């Protein structure tokens, strides 16, 4: 069965509030296995545009390409600055964050 994505490339979305996203996260800061990283909090409440839905992602721990289990998205200008979190996890790559569909909503008109 093919997964359906609520949003498509080019759609405008609103990133839910910190409080709304916080209620969706488990004790490991995940929703359906998707990690909400420390640096993502600064985007909460803002608007963004979908670059693309994500069906596959490279898992660096497993060292393999994996099919995503949840509906995930890449957003324009929402990138990791490499400065958040513990020093041993900081880097200079400027990667796009993966956003779980439940963390996004249609913007108010």
Protein backbone atom coordinates (compact mmCIF):
# COMPACT_ATOMS: atom_id res chain seq x y z
CA UNK A 1 0.00 0.00 0.00
CA UNK A 2 1.37 3.38 -1.01
CA UNK A 3 1.60 5.95 1.78
CA UNK A 4 -0.33 9.17 1.33
CA UNK A 5 1.23 12.49 2.15
CA UNK A 6 -1.03 15.32 3.29
CA UNK A 7 1.37 17.93 1.85
CA UNK A 8 3.21 18.11 -1.47
CA UNK A 9 6.27 19.96 -2.75
CA UNK A 10 5.57 23.69 -2.89
CA UNK A 11 2.81 23.68 -0.25
CA UNK A 12 3.00 26.28 2.50
CA UNK A 13 2.75 24.92 6.04
CA UNK A 14 2.83 26.22 9.57
CA UNK A 15 5.04 24.45 12.08
CA UNK A 16 2.97 23.78 15.16
CA UNK A 17 3.68 25.54 18.46
CA UNK A 18 6.21 24.24 20.97
CA UNK A 19 3.36 23.21 23.26
CA UNK A 20 1.50 21.30 20.52
CA UNK A 21 4.62 19.47 19.35
CA UNK A 22 5.70 18.75 22.92
CA UNK A 23 2.45 16.87 23.49
CA UNK A 24 3.21 14.62 20.49
CA UNK A 25 6.71 13.61 21.63
CA UNK A 26 7.54 10.53 23.67
CA UNK A 27 10.20 10.37 26.41
CA UNK A 28 12.93 10.20 23.75
CA UNK A 29 11.62 13.32 21.91
CA UNK A 30 10.22 11.20 19.08
CA UNK A 31 6.93 10.86 17.20
CA UNK A 32 6.56 7.52 15.40
CA UNK A 33 10.32 7.06 15.69
CA UNK A 34 11.12 10.48 14.15
CA UNK A 35 13.38 12.52 16.42
CA UNK A 36 12.51 16.15 17.15
CA UNK A 37 16.00 17.61 17.46
CA UNK A 38 16.93 20.46 19.81
CA UNK A 39 17.58 22.92 16.99
CA UNK A 40 14.08 22.45 15.57
CA UNK A 41 12.40 24.32 18.44
CA UNK A 42 13.37 27.69 16.96
CA UNK A 43 11.13 27.04 13.95
CA UNK A 44 7.99 26.34 15.99
CA UNK A 45 5.10 28.66 15.18
CA UNK A 46 6.68 29.76 11.92
CA UNK A 47 5.69 29.21 8.31
CA UNK A 48 7.66 27.24 5.74
CA UNK A 49 7.37 25.73 2.29
CA UNK A 50 7.63 22.00 1.61
CA UNK A 51 10.66 21.13 -0.52
CA UNK A 52 9.62 17.49 -0.81
CA UNK A 53 8.03 14.55 0.98
CA UNK A 54 10.62 12.02 2.18
CA UNK A 55 10.15 8.33 1.43
CA UNK A 56 13.73 7.18 2.05
CA UNK A 57 16.49 8.46 4.33
CA UNK A 58 20.03 7.38 5.06
CA UNK A 59 20.41 5.95 8.57
CA UNK A 60 23.96 6.74 9.62
CA UNK A 61 23.80 4.36 12.58
CA UNK A 62 22.75 1.41 10.39
CA UNK A 63 24.81 2.71 7.44
CA UNK A 64 22.01 2.03 4.99
CA UNK A 65 19.16 3.65 3.12
CA UNK A 66 15.83 3.04 4.87
CA UNK A 67 12.21 3.55 3.90
CA UNK A 68 10.59 6.01 6.29
CA UNK A 69 7.74 4.65 8.41
CA UNK A 70 5.99 7.98 8.94
CA UNK A 71 5.11 10.78 6.53
CA UNK A 72 8.14 13.09 6.72
CA UNK A 73 9.05 16.30 4.91
CA UNK A 74 11.99 18.54 4.13
CA UNK A 75 11.21 22.26 4.60
CA UNK A 76 12.82 25.26 2.90
CA UNK A 77 15.35 27.10 5.10
CA UNK A 78 14.83 24.76 8.07
CA UNK A 79 18.33 23.39 8.53
CA UNK A 80 20.50 22.26 11.42
CA UNK A 81 23.12 24.87 12.26
CA UNK A 82 25.26 22.20 13.95
CA UNK A 83 25.41 24.19 17.20
CA UNK A 84 22.54 22.71 19.20
CA UNK A 85 22.78 19.85 21.62
CA UNK A 86 25.73 18.11 23.18
CA UNK A 87 29.21 19.09 21.92
CA UNK A 88 30.02 15.54 20.75
CA UNK A 89 27.03 15.64 18.36
CA UNK A 90 27.78 19.04 16.78
CA UNK A 91 28.94 19.20 13.18
CA UNK A 92 29.37 21.53 10.19
CA UNK A 93 27.18 19.79 7.59
CA UNK A 94 24.07 22.04 7.66
CA UNK A 95 21.62 19.17 7.04
CA UNK A 96 17.90 19.55 6.46
CA UNK A 97 15.73 18.46 9.36
CA UNK A 98 13.08 15.80 8.74
CA UNK A 99 9.66 17.02 9.85
CA UNK A 100 6.92 14.59 10.89
CA UNK A 101 3.57 15.36 9.29
CA UNK A 102 1.92 15.67 12.72
CA UNK A 103 4.23 18.60 13.55
CA UNK A 104 2.88 20.57 10.59
CA UNK A 105 -0.46 22.12 9.74
CA UNK A 106 -2.02 24.20 7.02
CA UNK A 107 -1.35 27.90 7.68
CA UNK A 108 -4.21 30.12 8.78
CA UNK A 109 -5.64 32.12 5.92
